[in-house]
Amino acid sequence: MIHIIWSGRGFLVAVFVFGSSLIANLVTNSVTGSGTYWDEHKWPFAASLIVSATACWYFGRSLSSRKRLLVDPGTGEQVVLRESHTLFFVPMLWWGPILVCIGVVLLVVELAR
């Protein structure tokens, strides 16, 4: 089944990003004792994106290596099928480097302030 926004398990990219940023927000608020630190500083969100990127990369690699081998009984011809796991037409595997780049940009912006 193909969806407009994702295919296969590509929706997990959004789950990883949301989950890691929520955890980072809660930990940041707990450690600093202030709800405003998260809003004033971008490095905790950047760190959560890098964690999400790692999850997307490894989980995407695991999913992309799975394949099914079908054999036509009449001809004996073999066909290898791989399921696509994408979010916005980008394979889950490649969301890892994209999220790392966004996280690094946020860190650079934070350090430039």
Protein backbone atom coordinates (compact mmCIF):
# COMPACT_ATOMS: atom_id res chain seq x y z
CA MET A 1 0.00 0.00 0.00
CA ILE A 2 1.46 3.36 -1.01
CA HIS A 3 0.60 6.54 0.85
CA ILE A 4 1.10 10.08 -0.39
CA ILE A 5 3.36 11.11 2.50
CA TRP A 6 5.07 7.81 3.33
CA SER A 7 5.44 4.27 2.12
CA GLY A 8 6.23 1.16 4.09
CA ARG A 9 7.58 2.11 7.49
CA GLY A 10 8.76 5.56 6.44
CA PHE A 11 6.44 7.17 9.00
CA LEU A 12 8.92 6.03 11.65
CA VAL A 13 11.18 8.95 10.70
CA ALA A 14 8.57 11.34 12.12
CA VAL A 15 8.10 9.08 15.16
CA PHE A 16 11.86 9.05 15.84
CA VAL A 17 12.16 12.84 15.48
CA PHE A 18 9.10 13.56 17.62
CA GLY A 19 10.03 11.02 20.29
CA SER A 20 13.65 12.08 20.66
CA SER A 21 12.81 15.79 20.71
CA LEU A 22 10.10 15.20 23.32
CA ILE A 23 12.54 13.28 25.51
CA ALA A 24 15.21 15.97 25.02
CA ASN A 25 12.67 18.66 25.94
CA LEU A 26 11.61 16.85 29.11
CA VAL A 27 15.20 16.13 30.16
CA THR A 28 16.29 19.71 29.45
CA ASN A 29 13.41 21.12 31.47
CA SER A 30 14.12 18.70 34.31
CA VAL A 31 17.87 19.37 34.46
CA THR A 32 17.66 23.15 34.13
CA GLY A 33 14.51 23.55 36.20
CA SER A 34 13.25 26.04 33.65
CA GLY A 35 10.76 25.62 30.85
CA THR A 36 12.33 28.47 28.90
CA TYR A 37 15.79 26.92 28.35
CA TRP A 38 14.45 24.70 25.56
CA ASP A 39 12.98 27.75 23.80
CA GLU A 40 16.10 29.89 24.23
CA HIS A 41 18.71 27.32 23.17
CA LYS A 42 18.73 25.18 20.05
CA TRP A 43 21.48 22.71 20.96
CA PRO A 44 19.17 20.27 22.81
CA PHE A 45 16.95 20.02 19.72
CA ALA A 46 20.04 19.64 17.52
CA ALA A 47 21.26 16.80 19.74
CA SER A 48 17.85 15.12 19.52
CA LEU A 49 17.98 15.36 15.71
CA ILE A 50 21.36 13.64 15.69
CA VAL A 51 19.94 10.85 17.87
CA SER A 52 16.97 10.58 15.49
CA ALA A 53 19.34 10.49 12.53
CA THR A 54 21.19 7.56 14.03
CA ALA A 55 17.95 5.65 14.56
CA CYS A 56 16.77 6.41 11.00
CA TRP A 57 20.10 5.37 9.47
CA TYR A 58 20.38 2.03 11.24
CA PHE A 59 16.70 1.13 11.08
CA GLY A 60 16.55 2.20 7.43
CA ARG A 61 19.59 0.06 6.59
CA SER A 62 18.00 -2.89 8.33
CA LEU A 63 14.75 -2.48 6.42
CA SER A 64 16.41 -1.89 3.05
CA SER A 65 18.43 -5.08 3.34
CA ARG A 66 15.28 -7.19 3.63
CA LYS A 67 14.14 -8.77 0.41
CA ARG A 68 11.81 -11.47 -0.85
CA LEU A 69 12.75 -13.91 -3.56
CA LEU A 70 9.92 -15.05 -5.79
CA VAL A 71 10.25 -17.85 -8.31
CA ASP A 72 7.95 -18.22 -11.30
CA PRO A 73 6.92 -21.88 -11.25
CA GLY A 74 6.48 -22.00 -15.03
CA THR A 75 9.80 -20.54 -16.12
CA GLY A 76 11.89 -20.85 -12.97
CA GLU A 77 12.80 -17.16 -13.28
CA GLN A 78 13.69 -15.48 -9.98
CA VAL A 79 12.55 -11.99 -9.01
CA VAL A 80 13.83 -10.09 -5.98
CA LEU A 81 11.29 -7.76 -4.32
CA ARG A 82 12.25 -5.01 -1.90
CA GLU A 83 9.68 -2.96 -0.04
CA SER A 84 10.11 0.81 -0.14
CA HIS A 85 10.26 2.71 3.17
CA THR A 86 10.10 6.44 2.40
CA LEU A 87 8.93 9.71 3.91
CA PHE A 88 8.17 12.44 1.36
CA PHE A 89 9.69 10.18 -1.31
CA VAL A 90 13.06 10.11 0.52
CA PRO A 91 14.19 6.64 1.65
CA MET A 92 14.30 6.21 5.41
CA LEU A 93 18.00 5.40 5.20
CA TRP A 94 18.80 8.85 3.79
CA TRP A 95 16.87 10.74 6.43
CA GLY A 96 19.85 10.02 8.71
CA PRO A 97 22.28 12.31 6.87
CA ILE A 98 19.55 14.91 6.28
CA LEU A 99 18.76 15.11 10.00
CA VAL A 100 22.47 15.27 10.90
CA CYS A 101 22.91 18.22 8.51
CA ILE A 102 19.95 20.04 10.05
CA GLY A 103 21.33 19.34 13.54
CA VAL A 104 24.79 20.64 12.60
CA VAL A 105 23.29 23.81 11.10
CA LEU A 106 21.35 24.40 14.33
CA LEU A 107 24.52 23.92 16.37
CA VAL A 108 26.44 26.36 14.17
CA VAL A 109 23.65 28.93 14.49
CA GLU A 110 23.63 28.41 18.26
CA LEU A 111 27.40 28.90 18.50
CA ALA A 112 27.27 31.98 16.25
CA ARG A 113 24.96 33.81 18.68
